Amino acid sequence: MKRLFTTTALAASMAFATAAYAAEDDAKNAPMEVTPAQQQDAQPSLETPGEMLSDATATADDDVLAMRDNFAVMSGNAISAADVVGAAVVGPDGKEIGTVDDLVFNEDKSIDQVIIADGKMFGFGGKNVAIDFEGASITRDQNDERMVRIGMTDQALEEVAEFDKAPLEESGGKLATSYIGRDVALATEDDGTGELSDLILDRNGTAKYAVVEYGGMLEMNENRVAIDLNSFKPAPAGEPLNLAMTLDQLREQPSFFYSEEETPKDGEM
């Protein structure tokens, strides 16, 4: 579910490309070590909406959804998690050095780490590593595709210890992939199930809404709504997430769209 956005340039993402790298056994490295004063002076340009920054000083914009008539549209300041998982990871020299394998969330559903599959994944020596989200920024490439820029070269990435995400998979709620593609059990068995197809994040990387798709063949057209992530009850890995809403209540929710261009025009409903 890749979405295209307006291209932007991240002016200050390379300012500290030569920062110190973590030791080999340190899976939580901080590739850009700067003082708070330096962070304040080196803030990237925010002129283009929708760019997510991992810097703790960035101002959060909680308005990730905009209402248009009876539609809910993802705002320009929001990010689709499904766009980030699988995105290219680029080093300080602009070279692609891997892809995003997954996102690790902390207790408040904010991104804590980015799990990266290094560039050798399809050859020999490939592995997953994890870096703190503070050492990464999510932006776009020249083709409007999401990408993650980090301050580490491929050589430095190879020196980071391999990361095992299996314990997080067992938790059922720590990873982006713990949600994306997961079944959603509605209020009663008669209401059937839906599917959680995406997470909508604010610009600082906090998951706010879950995109739920329901209907399909029985309703001729699949329907899509955005539901507050806190509305879902935790469930063990492999089991559907529980949502205390009936099918009729889902139908009453505004239809969700990723952009204004997707919304139905007059006469299309």
C-alpha atoms as a PDB file:
ATOM      1  CA  MET A   1       0.000   0.000   0.000  1.00  0.00           C
ATOM      2  CA  LYS A   2       2.567   2.465  -1.085  1.00  0.00           C
ATOM      3  CA  ARG A   3       1.378   6.061  -1.356  1.00  0.00           C
ATOM      4  CA  LEU A   4       3.024   8.900  -3.238  1.00  0.00           C
ATOM      5  CA  PHE A   5       3.707  12.249  -1.618  1.00  0.00           C
ATOM      6  CA  THR A   6       5.274  15.554  -2.683  1.00  0.00           C
ATOM      7  CA  THR A   7       9.089  15.321  -2.872  1.00  0.00           C
ATOM      8  CA  THR A   8      11.065  17.063  -0.142  1.00  0.00           C
ATOM      9  CA  ALA A   9      14.673  17.626   0.765  1.00  0.00           C
ATOM     10  CA  LEU A  10      15.929  17.063   4.294  1.00  0.00           C
ATOM     11  CA  ALA A  11      18.362  19.967   4.608  1.00  0.00           C
ATOM     12  CA  ALA A  12      20.146  19.078   7.811  1.00  0.00           C
ATOM     13  CA  SER A  13      20.026  15.252   7.787  1.00  0.00           C
ATOM     14  CA  MET A  14      23.683  15.030   6.713  1.00  0.00           C
ATOM     15  CA  ALA A  15      25.041  17.641   9.107  1.00  0.00           C
ATOM     16  CA  PHE A  16      26.579  15.098  11.440  1.00  0.00           C
ATOM     17  CA  ALA A  17      27.428  12.280   9.025  1.00  0.00           C
ATOM     18  CA  THR A  18      30.798  11.704  10.633  1.00  0.00           C
ATOM     19  CA  ALA A  19      29.445  11.173  14.172  1.00  0.00           C
ATOM     20  CA  ALA A  20      30.734   8.361  16.354  1.00  0.00           C
ATOM     21  CA  TYR A  21      29.355   4.855  15.802  1.00  0.00           C
ATOM     22  CA  ALA A  22      28.323   2.399  18.469  1.00  0.00           C
ATOM     23  CA  ALA A  23      30.455  -0.560  19.487  1.00  0.00           C
ATOM     24  CA  GLU A  24      29.975  -3.926  17.867  1.00  0.00           C
ATOM     25  CA  ASP A  25      27.862  -5.326  20.683  1.00  0.00           C
ATOM     26  CA  ASP A  26      25.681  -2.247  20.962  1.00  0.00           C
ATOM     27  CA  ALA A  27      22.483  -2.754  18.995  1.00  0.00           C
ATOM     28  CA  LYS A  28      21.115   0.587  20.201  1.00  0.00           C
ATOM     29  CA  ASN A  29      23.542   2.920  18.482  1.00  0.00           C
ATOM     30  CA  ALA A  30      23.272   6.671  18.177  1.00  0.00           C
ATOM     31  CA  PRO A  31      24.857   7.591  14.853  1.00  0.00           C
ATOM     32  CA  MET A  32      24.345  11.331  15.285  1.00  0.00           C
ATOM     33  CA  GLU A  33      25.754  12.500  18.606  1.00  0.00           C
ATOM     34  CA  VAL A  34      25.098  16.198  19.013  1.00  0.00           C
ATOM     35  CA  THR A  35      24.515  18.527  21.928  1.00  0.00           C
ATOM     36  CA  PRO A  36      21.054  20.001  22.610  1.00  0.00           C
ATOM     37  CA  ALA A  37      22.350  23.360  21.384  1.00  0.00           C
ATOM     38  CA  GLN A  38      23.525  21.793  18.142  1.00  0.00           C
ATOM     39  CA  GLN A  39      20.185  20.055  17.735  1.00  0.00           C
ATOM     40  CA  GLN A  40      18.416  23.388  18.087  1.00  0.00           C
ATOM     41  CA  ASP A  41      20.664  25.021  15.485  1.00  0.00           C
ATOM     42  CA  ALA A  42      20.420  22.155  13.012  1.00  0.00           C
ATOM     43  CA  GLN A  43      16.681  21.601  12.763  1.00  0.00           C
ATOM     44  CA  PRO A  44      15.654  20.435   9.255  1.00  0.00           C
ATOM     45  CA  SER A  45      13.287  22.524   7.185  1.00  0.00           C
ATOM     46  CA  LEU A  46       9.637  21.670   7.784  1.00  0.00           C
ATOM     47  CA  GLU A  47       8.224  23.566   4.831  1.00  0.00           C
ATOM     48  CA  THR A  48       6.880  20.428   3.182  1.00  0.00           C
ATOM     49  CA  PRO A  49       4.047  18.765   5.159  1.00  0.00           C
ATOM     50  CA  GLY A  50       4.254  15.080   5.946  1.00  0.00           C
ATOM     51  CA  GLU A  51       7.924  14.718   6.789  1.00  0.00           C
ATOM     52  CA  MET A  52       8.453  12.737   9.954  1.00  0.00           C
ATOM     53  CA  LEU A  53      11.334  13.658  12.229  1.00  0.00           C
ATOM     54  CA  SER A  54      12.664  11.524  15.036  1.00  0.00           C
ATOM     55  CA  ASP A  55      14.147  14.527  16.846  1.00  0.00           C
ATOM     56  CA  ALA A  56      12.624  14.866  20.302  1.00  0.00           C
ATOM     57  CA  THR A  57      12.418  18.654  19.940  1.00  0.00           C
ATOM     58  CA  ALA A  58      10.136  18.517  16.902  1.00  0.00           C
ATOM     59  CA  THR A  59       6.634  19.781  17.633  1.00  0.00           C
ATOM     60  CA  ALA A  60       4.022  17.040  17.430  1.00  0.00           C
ATOM     61  CA  ASP A  61       0.965  17.608  15.270  1.00  0.00           C
ATOM     62  CA  ASP A  62      -1.807  15.435  16.666  1.00  0.00           C
ATOM     63  CA  ASP A  63      -4.192  16.351  13.854  1.00  0.00           C
ATOM     64  CA  VAL A  64      -3.296  13.385  11.656  1.00  0.00           C
ATOM     65  CA  LEU A  65      -6.783  13.195  10.150  1.00  0.00           C
ATOM     66  CA  ALA A  66      -8.682  15.956   8.383  1.00  0.00           C
ATOM     67  CA  MET A  67     -12.451  15.753   7.973  1.00  0.00           C
ATOM     68  CA  ARG A  68     -13.857  16.467   4.517  1.00  0.00           C
ATOM     69  CA  ASP A  69     -17.655  16.225   4.383  1.00  0.00           C
ATOM     70  CA  ASN A  70     -18.239  12.616   5.472  1.00  0.00           C
ATOM     71  CA  PHE A  71     -14.652  11.526   4.760  1.00  0.00           C
ATOM     72  CA  ALA A  72     -11.554  11.236   6.929  1.00  0.00           C
ATOM     73  CA  VAL A  73      -8.401  12.133   4.979  1.00  0.00           C
ATOM     74  CA  MET A  74      -4.857  11.558   6.180  1.00  0.00           C
ATOM     75  CA  SER A  75      -3.322  14.970   6.796  1.00  0.00           C
ATOM     76  CA  GLY A  76      -0.081  16.142   5.242  1.00  0.00           C
ATOM     77  CA  ASN A  77       1.638  15.809   8.621  1.00  0.00           C
ATOM     78  CA  ALA A  78       0.820  12.120   9.012  1.00  0.00           C
ATOM     79  CA  ILE A  79       2.694   9.007   7.910  1.00  0.00           C
ATOM     80  CA  SER A  80       1.511   5.580   6.810  1.00  0.00           C
ATOM     81  CA  ALA A  81       3.437   2.846   8.654  1.00  0.00           C
ATOM     82  CA  ALA A  82       2.872   0.516   5.702  1.00  0.00           C
ATOM     83  CA  ASP A  83       4.825   2.992   3.568  1.00  0.00           C
ATOM     84  CA  VAL A  84       7.786   2.889   5.944  1.00  0.00           C
ATOM     85  CA  VAL A  85       8.074  -0.893   6.355  1.00  0.00           C
ATOM     86  CA  GLY A  86      10.009  -2.047   3.297  1.00  0.00           C
ATOM     87  CA  ALA A  87      11.314   1.433   2.515  1.00  0.00           C
ATOM     88  CA  ALA A  88      14.928   1.948   1.458  1.00  0.00           C
ATOM     89  CA  VAL A  89      17.495   2.896   4.097  1.00  0.00           C
ATOM     90  CA  VAL A  90      20.082   5.416   2.905  1.00  0.00           C
ATOM     91  CA  GLY A  91      23.417   6.295   4.508  1.00  0.00           C
ATOM     92  CA  PRO A  92      25.112   9.709   4.773  1.00  0.00           C
ATOM     93  CA  ASP A  93      26.619   9.352   1.308  1.00  0.00           C
ATOM     94  CA  GLY A  94      23.200   8.824  -0.281  1.00  0.00           C
ATOM     95  CA  LYS A  95      23.893   5.148  -0.923  1.00  0.00           C
ATOM     96  CA  GLU A  96      21.156   2.609  -0.223  1.00  0.00           C
ATOM     97  CA  ILE A  97      22.413   0.268   2.477  1.00  0.00           C
ATOM     98  CA  GLY A  98      19.321  -1.734   3.386  1.00  0.00           C
ATOM     99  CA  THR A  99      15.571  -1.723   3.843  1.00  0.00           C
ATOM    100  CA  VAL A 100      13.259  -1.206   6.794  1.00  0.00           C
ATOM    101  CA  ASP A 101      12.279  -4.631   8.097  1.00  0.00           C
ATOM    102  CA  ASP A 102      10.055  -3.375  10.905  1.00  0.00           C
ATOM    103  CA  LEU A 103       9.360  -0.652  13.461  1.00  0.00           C
ATOM    104  CA  VAL A 104       9.554  -1.217  17.216  1.00  0.00           C
ATOM    105  CA  PHE A 105       7.058   0.688  19.366  1.00  0.00           C
ATOM    106  CA  ASN A 106       7.403   1.584  23.024  1.00  0.00           C
ATOM    107  CA  GLU A 107       4.582   1.558  25.584  1.00  0.00           C
ATOM    108  CA  ASP A 108       2.989   4.775  24.294  1.00  0.00           C
ATOM    109  CA  LYS A 109       2.976   3.435  20.710  1.00  0.00           C
ATOM    110  CA  SER A 110       5.815   5.729  19.587  1.00  0.00           C
ATOM    111  CA  ILE A 111       8.630   4.385  17.405  1.00  0.00           C
ATOM    112  CA  ASP A 112      11.522   3.361  19.617  1.00  0.00           C
ATOM    113  CA  GLN A 113      13.738   1.538  17.108  1.00  0.00           C
ATOM    114  CA  VAL A 114      13.987   0.935  13.380  1.00  0.00           C
ATOM    115  CA  ILE A 115      14.857  -2.637  12.413  1.00  0.00           C
ATOM    116  CA  ILE A 116      16.980  -2.636   9.274  1.00  0.00           C
ATOM    117  CA  ALA A 117      17.694  -5.538   6.938  1.00  0.00           C
ATOM    118  CA  ASP A 118      21.162  -4.703   5.676  1.00  0.00           C
ATOM    119  CA  GLY A 119      22.008  -4.611   1.990  1.00  0.00           C
ATOM    120  CA  LYS A 120      23.421  -8.145   1.957  1.00  0.00           C
ATOM    121  CA  MET A 121      20.160  -9.754   2.930  1.00  0.00           C
ATOM    122  CA  PHE A 122      19.845 -11.527  -0.415  1.00  0.00           C
ATOM    123  CA  GLY A 123      23.466 -12.649  -0.471  1.00  0.00           C
ATOM    124  CA  PHE A 124      25.845 -13.764   2.211  1.00  0.00           C
ATOM    125  CA  GLY A 125      26.200 -12.098   5.581  1.00  0.00           C
ATOM    126  CA  GLY A 126      22.761 -10.489   5.613  1.00  0.00           C
ATOM    127  CA  LYS A 127      21.225  -9.747   8.993  1.00  0.00           C
ATOM    128  CA  ASN A 128      18.738  -7.562  10.824  1.00  0.00           C
ATOM    129  CA  VAL A 129      20.028  -4.786  13.052  1.00  0.00           C
ATOM    130  CA  ALA A 130      18.166  -2.223  15.151  1.00  0.00           C
ATOM    131  CA  ILE A 131      19.010   1.439  15.653  1.00  0.00           C
ATOM    132  CA  ASP A 132      17.356   3.995  17.878  1.00  0.00           C
ATOM    133  CA  PHE A 133      14.774   6.089  16.082  1.00  0.00           C
ATOM    134  CA  GLU A 134      16.641   9.158  17.333  1.00  0.00           C
ATOM    135  CA  GLY A 135      19.363   8.276  14.832  1.00  0.00           C
ATOM    136  CA  ALA A 136      17.031   8.177  11.829  1.00  0.00           C
ATOM    137  CA  SER A 137      14.764  10.441   9.811  1.00  0.00           C
ATOM    138  CA  ILE A 138      11.940   9.452   7.488  1.00  0.00           C
ATOM    139  CA  THR A 139      11.729  11.416   4.274  1.00  0.00           C
ATOM    140  CA  ARG A 140      11.166  10.820   0.548  1.00  0.00           C
ATOM    141  CA  ASP A 141      13.371  10.017  -2.412  1.00  0.00           C
ATOM    142  CA  GLN A 142      13.337  11.608  -5.869  1.00  0.00           C
ATOM    143  CA  ASN A 143      10.481   9.277  -6.880  1.00  0.00           C
ATOM    144  CA  ASP A 144       8.281  10.363  -3.947  1.00  0.00           C
ATOM    145  CA  GLU A 145       8.801   7.009  -2.246  1.00  0.00           C
ATOM    146  CA  ARG A 146       9.337   6.833   1.484  1.00  0.00           C
ATOM    147  CA  MET A 147      12.910   6.276   2.624  1.00  0.00           C
ATOM    148  CA  VAL A 148      14.794   6.315   5.921  1.00  0.00           C
ATOM    149  CA  ARG A 149      18.045   8.241   6.177  1.00  0.00           C
ATOM    150  CA  ILE A 150      20.579   7.343   8.856  1.00  0.00           C
ATOM    151  CA  GLY A 151      24.014   8.692   9.743  1.00  0.00           C
ATOM    152  CA  MET A 152      25.749   5.327   9.284  1.00  0.00           C
ATOM    153  CA  THR A 153      27.610   3.847   6.343  1.00  0.00           C
ATOM    154  CA  ASP A 154      27.073   0.252   5.247  1.00  0.00           C
ATOM    155  CA  GLN A 155      30.379  -0.680   6.873  1.00  0.00           C
ATOM    156  CA  ALA A 156      29.305   0.787  10.218  1.00  0.00           C
ATOM    157  CA  LEU A 157      25.950  -0.990   9.934  1.00  0.00           C
ATOM    158  CA  GLU A 158      27.716  -4.319   9.472  1.00  0.00           C
ATOM    159  CA  GLU A 159      29.494  -3.821  12.801  1.00  0.00           C
ATOM    160  CA  VAL A 160      26.237  -3.584  14.735  1.00  0.00           C
ATOM    161  CA  ALA A 161      25.195  -6.773  16.505  1.00  0.00           C
ATOM    162  CA  GLU A 162      22.423  -8.813  14.897  1.00  0.00           C
ATOM    163  CA  PHE A 163      18.949  -8.113  16.253  1.00  0.00           C
ATOM    164  CA  ASP A 164      16.466 -10.888  17.038  1.00  0.00           C
ATOM    165  CA  LYS A 165      12.903  -9.619  16.882  1.00  0.00           C
ATOM    166  CA  ALA A 166      11.285 -12.978  17.705  1.00  0.00           C
ATOM    167  CA  PRO A 167      10.591 -12.039  21.363  1.00  0.00           C
ATOM    168  CA  LEU A 168       8.848  -8.867  20.149  1.00  0.00           C
ATOM    169  CA  GLU A 169       6.763 -10.859  17.685  1.00  0.00           C
ATOM    170  CA  GLU A 170       5.520 -12.988  20.572  1.00  0.00           C
ATOM    171  CA  SER A 171       4.350  -9.895  22.448  1.00  0.00           C
ATOM    172  CA  GLY A 172       1.665  -9.220  19.839  1.00  0.00           C
ATOM    173  CA  GLY A 173       1.878  -5.430  19.996  1.00  0.00           C
ATOM    174  CA  LYS A 174       5.453  -4.159  19.908  1.00  0.00           C
ATOM    175  CA  LEU A 175       6.027  -4.186  16.141  1.00  0.00           C
ATOM    176  CA  ALA A 176       4.395  -2.451  13.205  1.00  0.00           C
ATOM    177  CA  THR A 177       3.994  -5.879  11.620  1.00  0.00           C
ATOM    178  CA  SER A 178       2.180  -7.020  14.765  1.00  0.00           C
ATOM    179  CA  TYR A 179      -0.692  -4.844  13.550  1.00  0.00           C
ATOM    180  CA  ILE A 180      -0.494  -4.577   9.764  1.00  0.00           C
ATOM    181  CA  GLY A 181      -2.415  -7.407   8.114  1.00  0.00           C
ATOM    182  CA  ARG A 182      -3.950  -8.630  11.370  1.00  0.00           C
ATOM    183  CA  ASP A 183      -7.585  -9.702  11.696  1.00  0.00           C
ATOM    184  CA  VAL A 184      -9.943  -7.570  13.760  1.00  0.00           C
ATOM    185  CA  ALA A 185     -12.742  -9.288  15.706  1.00  0.00           C
ATOM    186  CA  LEU A 186     -15.832  -7.104  15.959  1.00  0.00           C
ATOM    187  CA  ALA A 187     -18.311  -6.953  18.849  1.00  0.00           C
ATOM    188  CA  THR A 188     -20.097 -10.233  18.082  1.00  0.00           C
ATOM    189  CA  GLU A 189     -19.496 -13.243  15.870  1.00  0.00           C
ATOM    190  CA  ASP A 190     -22.469 -12.193  13.744  1.00  0.00           C
ATOM    191  CA  ASP A 191     -20.626  -8.940  12.932  1.00  0.00           C
ATOM    192  CA  GLY A 192     -17.771 -10.897  11.366  1.00  0.00           C
ATOM    193  CA  THR A 193     -14.218  -9.604  11.175  1.00  0.00           C
ATOM    194  CA  GLY A 194     -12.197  -6.898   9.498  1.00  0.00           C
ATOM    195  CA  GLU A 195      -8.513  -6.443   8.788  1.00  0.00           C
ATOM    196  CA  LEU A 196      -6.115  -3.874  10.191  1.00  0.00           C
ATOM    197  CA  SER A 197      -4.275  -2.792   7.053  1.00  0.00           C
ATOM    198  CA  ASP A 198      -2.190   0.157   8.271  1.00  0.00           C
ATOM    199  CA  LEU A 199      -1.199   2.389  11.165  1.00  0.00           C
ATOM    200  CA  ILE A 200      -1.336   6.161  10.796  1.00  0.00           C
ATOM    201  CA  LEU A 201       1.462   7.928  12.675  1.00  0.00           C
ATOM    202  CA  ASP A 202       1.940  11.549  13.603  1.00  0.00           C
ATOM    203  CA  ARG A 203       5.066  13.371  12.431  1.00  0.00           C
ATOM    204  CA  ASN A 204       7.030  12.267  15.525  1.00  0.00           C
ATOM    205  CA  GLY A 205       6.324   8.601  14.938  1.00  0.00           C
ATOM    206  CA  THR A 206       3.481   7.933  17.379  1.00  0.00           C
ATOM    207  CA  ALA A 207       0.780   5.568  16.115  1.00  0.00           C
ATOM    208  CA  LYS A 208      -2.597   7.296  16.439  1.00  0.00           C
ATOM    209  CA  TYR A 209      -5.050   5.452  14.214  1.00  0.00           C
ATOM    210  CA  ALA A 210      -5.522   1.981  12.790  1.00  0.00           C
ATOM    211  CA  VAL A 211      -6.920   1.616   9.288  1.00  0.00           C
ATOM    212  CA  VAL A 212      -9.567  -1.104   9.289  1.00  0.00           C
ATOM    213  CA  GLU A 213     -10.899  -2.643   6.097  1.00  0.00           C
ATOM    214  CA  TYR A 214     -14.144  -4.579   6.188  1.00  0.00           C
ATOM    215  CA  GLY A 215     -16.916  -5.764   3.901  1.00  0.00           C
ATOM    216  CA  GLY A 216     -15.361  -7.193   0.779  1.00  0.00           C
ATOM    217  CA  MET A 217     -17.435  -9.611  -1.264  1.00  0.00           C
ATOM    218  CA  LEU A 218     -20.458  -9.583   1.024  1.00  0.00           C
ATOM    219  CA  GLU A 219     -20.848  -5.828   0.641  1.00  0.00           C
ATOM    220  CA  MET A 220     -19.652  -5.670  -2.976  1.00  0.00           C
ATOM    221  CA  ASN A 221     -17.101  -2.959  -2.120  1.00  0.00           C
ATOM    222  CA  GLU A 222     -14.496  -3.065   0.601  1.00  0.00           C
ATOM    223  CA  ASN A 223     -14.867  -0.262   3.121  1.00  0.00           C
ATOM    224  CA  ARG A 224     -12.035   1.469   4.968  1.00  0.00           C
ATOM    225  CA  VAL A 225     -12.181   3.500   8.177  1.00  0.00           C
ATOM    226  CA  ALA A 226      -9.632   4.940  10.627  1.00  0.00           C
ATOM    227  CA  ILE A 227     -10.174   3.956  14.264  1.00  0.00           C
ATOM    228  CA  ASP A 228      -8.358   5.330  17.317  1.00  0.00           C
ATOM    229  CA  LEU A 229      -5.663   2.767  18.127  1.00  0.00           C
ATOM    230  CA  ASN A 230      -6.571   2.897  21.816  1.00  0.00           C
ATOM    231  CA  SER A 231      -9.963   1.405  20.945  1.00  0.00           C
ATOM    232  CA  PHE A 232      -8.383  -2.010  20.344  1.00  0.00           C
ATOM    233  CA  LYS A 233      -7.909  -4.474  23.177  1.00  0.00           C
ATOM    234  CA  PRO A 234      -4.520  -6.232  23.319  1.00  0.00           C
ATOM    235  CA  ALA A 235      -4.465  -9.840  22.189  1.00  0.00           C
ATOM    236  CA  PRO A 236      -1.821 -12.579  22.079  1.00  0.00           C
ATOM    237  CA  ALA A 237       0.266 -12.834  18.932  1.00  0.00           C
ATOM    238  CA  GLY A 238      -1.546 -14.647  16.137  1.00  0.00           C
ATOM    239  CA  GLU A 239      -4.999 -13.873  17.492  1.00  0.00           C
ATOM    240  CA  PRO A 240      -7.363 -11.189  16.155  1.00  0.00           C
ATOM    241  CA  LEU A 241      -7.379  -7.811  17.838  1.00  0.00           C
ATOM    242  CA  ASN A 242     -10.681  -7.123  19.560  1.00  0.00           C
ATOM    243  CA  LEU A 243     -12.681  -4.029  18.677  1.00  0.00           C
ATOM    244  CA  ALA A 244     -15.855  -3.361  20.675  1.00  0.00           C
ATOM    245  CA  MET A 245     -17.756  -2.052  17.671  1.00  0.00           C
ATOM    246  CA  THR A 246     -20.528  -3.659  15.674  1.00  0.00           C
ATOM    247  CA  LEU A 247     -20.540  -3.833  11.907  1.00  0.00           C
ATOM    248  CA  ASP A 248     -23.272  -1.196  11.843  1.00  0.00           C
ATOM    249  CA  GLN A 249     -21.124   1.111  13.973  1.00  0.00           C
ATOM    250  CA  LEU A 250     -18.217   0.674  11.559  1.00  0.00           C
ATOM    251  CA  ARG A 251     -20.496   1.594   8.676  1.00  0.00           C
ATOM    252  CA  GLU A 252     -21.371   4.810  10.487  1.00  0.00           C
ATOM    253  CA  GLN A 253     -17.718   5.885  10.636  1.00  0.00           C
ATOM    254  CA  PRO A 254     -16.398   8.325   7.987  1.00  0.00           C
ATOM    255  CA  SER A 255     -14.700   6.506   5.125  1.00  0.00           C
ATOM    256  CA  PHE A 256     -10.918   6.873   5.250  1.00  0.00           C
ATOM    257  CA  PHE A 257      -8.773   8.062   2.326  1.00  0.00           C
ATOM    258  CA  TYR A 258      -5.040   8.605   2.060  1.00  0.00           C
ATOM    259  CA  SER A 259      -5.360  11.796   0.017  1.00  0.00           C
ATOM    260  CA  GLU A 260      -7.872  14.322  -1.245  1.00  0.00           C
ATOM    261  CA  GLU A 261      -7.461  12.887  -4.748  1.00  0.00           C
ATOM    262  CA  GLU A 262      -8.888   9.557  -3.568  1.00  0.00           C
ATOM    263  CA  THR A 263     -12.122  10.980  -2.206  1.00  0.00           C
ATOM    264  CA  PRO A 264     -15.230  10.408  -4.329  1.00  0.00           C
ATOM    265  CA  LYS A 265     -16.326  13.284  -6.487  1.00  0.00           C
ATOM    266  CA  ASP A 266     -19.910  14.433  -6.911  1.00  0.00           C
ATOM    267  CA  GLY A 267     -21.990  11.710  -8.502  1.00  0.00           C
ATOM    268  CA  GLU A 268     -19.481   8.931  -7.739  1.00  0.00           C
ATOM    269  CA  MET A 269     -21.136   7.734  -4.532  1.00  0.00           C
END
